[in-house]
Amino acid sequence: MAKKAVATLQTGNSGRNHTKCIKMVKSPKTGAFIFQEEIVENDKVKEFFA
């Protein structure tokens, strides 16, 4: 399923405009760190990490 999602992003030029971002966030319930993954446009990468 992941291969299919990646393949659909790479059709045409639109695939090069996106970046997979992973940031570590502290869980409010347990206090443990979790990873938040999202595919965002290159222009909005700094907003994702802010």
N, C-alpha and C. Protein backbone atom coordinates (compact mmCIF):
# COMPACT_ATOMS: atom_id res chain seq x y z
N MET A 1 0.83 -1.18 0.00
CA MET A 1 0.00 0.00 0.00
C MET A 1 0.87 1.25 0.00
N ALA A 2 1.96 1.24 0.73
CA ALA A 2 2.84 2.40 0.76
C ALA A 2 3.49 2.63 -0.59
N LYS A 3 3.84 1.55 -1.29
CA LYS A 3 4.45 1.69 -2.60
C LYS A 3 3.49 2.37 -3.57
N LYS A 4 2.22 2.03 -3.46
CA LYS A 4 1.21 2.62 -4.33
C LYS A 4 1.08 4.13 -4.05
N ALA A 5 1.12 4.52 -2.78
CA ALA A 5 1.00 5.93 -2.42
C ALA A 5 2.21 6.72 -2.94
N VAL A 6 3.40 6.14 -2.82
CA VAL A 6 4.61 6.81 -3.29
C VAL A 6 4.58 6.93 -4.81
N ALA A 7 4.11 5.88 -5.47
CA ALA A 7 4.06 5.89 -6.93
C ALA A 7 3.09 6.95 -7.44
N THR A 8 2.01 7.18 -6.74
CA THR A 8 1.05 8.19 -7.19
C THR A 8 1.60 9.60 -6.99
N LEU A 9 2.48 9.78 -6.00
CA LEU A 9 3.07 11.10 -5.78
C LEU A 9 4.11 11.43 -6.85
N GLN A 10 4.71 10.41 -7.46
CA GLN A 10 5.79 10.65 -8.39
C GLN A 10 5.32 10.82 -9.83
N THR A 11 4.02 10.81 -10.09
CA THR A 11 3.53 11.00 -11.45
C THR A 11 3.63 12.48 -11.80
N GLY A 12 4.21 12.80 -12.93
CA GLY A 12 4.35 14.18 -13.35
C GLY A 12 5.37 14.93 -12.52
N ASN A 13 5.26 16.23 -12.49
CA ASN A 13 6.20 17.08 -11.74
C ASN A 13 5.74 17.32 -10.31
N SER A 14 4.52 16.93 -9.97
CA SER A 14 4.00 17.24 -8.64
C SER A 14 4.71 16.47 -7.54
N GLY A 15 5.34 15.34 -7.84
CA GLY A 15 6.03 14.56 -6.82
C GLY A 15 7.25 15.24 -6.26
N ARG A 16 7.87 16.09 -7.04
CA ARG A 16 9.07 16.79 -6.56
C ARG A 16 8.72 18.02 -5.73
N ASN A 17 7.46 18.35 -5.63
CA ASN A 17 7.03 19.51 -4.84
C ASN A 17 6.65 19.12 -3.42
N HIS A 18 6.74 17.83 -3.08
CA HIS A 18 6.33 17.36 -1.76
C HIS A 18 7.52 16.73 -1.04
N THR A 19 7.48 16.83 0.29
CA THR A 19 8.52 16.27 1.13
C THR A 19 7.87 15.54 2.30
N LYS A 20 8.40 14.38 2.66
CA LYS A 20 7.90 13.67 3.83
C LYS A 20 8.65 14.18 5.04
N CYS A 21 7.91 14.75 5.98
CA CYS A 21 8.50 15.34 7.18
C CYS A 21 8.15 14.49 8.39
N ILE A 22 9.13 14.28 9.24
CA ILE A 22 8.94 13.51 10.47
C ILE A 22 9.44 14.36 11.63
N LYS A 23 8.56 14.62 12.62
CA LYS A 23 9.02 15.35 13.79
C LYS A 23 8.63 14.59 15.05
N MET A 24 9.42 14.79 16.09
CA MET A 24 9.22 14.12 17.36
C MET A 24 8.41 15.04 18.26
N VAL A 25 7.31 14.52 18.80
CA VAL A 25 6.40 15.30 19.64
C VAL A 25 6.21 14.56 20.95
N LYS A 26 6.15 15.29 22.04
CA LYS A 26 5.94 14.68 23.35
C LYS A 26 4.45 14.49 23.58
N SER A 27 4.07 13.29 23.95
CA SER A 27 2.66 12.97 24.17
C SER A 27 2.19 13.61 25.47
N PRO A 28 1.03 14.30 25.44
CA PRO A 28 0.55 14.93 26.67
C PRO A 28 0.04 13.92 27.70
N LYS A 29 -0.40 12.74 27.27
CA LYS A 29 -0.94 11.74 28.19
C LYS A 29 0.16 11.01 28.95
N THR A 30 1.11 10.43 28.21
CA THR A 30 2.11 9.57 28.85
C THR A 30 3.45 10.26 29.06
N GLY A 31 3.72 11.32 28.32
CA GLY A 31 5.00 11.98 28.43
C GLY A 31 6.06 11.36 27.53
N ALA A 32 5.71 10.29 26.84
CA ALA A 32 6.65 9.63 25.93
C ALA A 32 6.70 10.40 24.61
N PHE A 33 7.76 10.21 23.88
CA PHE A 33 7.90 10.88 22.59
C PHE A 33 7.30 10.00 21.50
N ILE A 34 6.57 10.64 20.59
CA ILE A 34 5.99 9.96 19.45
C ILE A 34 6.43 10.68 18.18
N PHE A 35 6.37 9.99 17.07
CA PHE A 35 6.77 10.57 15.80
C PHE A 35 5.54 10.92 14.98
N GLN A 36 5.51 12.15 14.49
CA GLN A 36 4.40 12.61 13.66
C GLN A 36 4.93 12.74 12.24
N GLU A 37 4.34 11.98 11.31
CA GLU A 37 4.77 11.97 9.91
C GLU A 37 3.69 12.61 9.06
N GLU A 38 4.13 13.39 8.08
CA GLU A 38 3.19 14.03 7.17
C GLU A 38 3.90 14.37 5.87
N ILE A 39 3.19 14.30 4.77
CA ILE A 39 3.72 14.70 3.48
C ILE A 39 3.21 16.10 3.20
N VAL A 40 4.13 17.06 3.12
CA VAL A 40 3.77 18.47 2.93
C VAL A 40 4.47 19.01 1.69
N GLU A 41 3.98 20.13 1.21
CA GLU A 41 4.61 20.80 0.08
C GLU A 41 5.92 21.43 0.54
N ASN A 42 6.85 21.61 -0.38
CA ASN A 42 8.15 22.17 -0.03
C ASN A 42 8.05 23.56 0.55
N ASP A 43 7.05 24.34 0.15
CA ASP A 43 6.89 25.69 0.65
C ASP A 43 6.44 25.71 2.12
N LYS A 44 5.80 24.65 2.59
CA LYS A 44 5.20 24.65 3.91
C LYS A 44 5.98 23.81 4.93
N VAL A 45 7.22 23.45 4.62
CA VAL A 45 8.01 22.61 5.52
C VAL A 45 8.31 23.36 6.82
N LYS A 46 8.68 24.62 6.75
CA LYS A 46 9.01 25.38 7.96
C LYS A 46 7.78 25.57 8.83
N GLU A 47 6.59 25.70 8.23
CA GLU A 47 5.35 25.82 9.00
C GLU A 47 5.05 24.52 9.75
N PHE A 48 5.38 23.39 9.14
CA PHE A 48 5.14 22.10 9.78
C PHE A 48 5.99 21.96 11.04
N PHE A 49 7.24 22.40 10.99
CA PHE A 49 8.14 22.26 12.12
C PHE A 49 7.99 23.39 13.14
N ALA A 50 7.28 24.44 12.79
CA ALA A 50 7.10 25.58 13.74
C ALA A 50 6.05 25.26 14.79
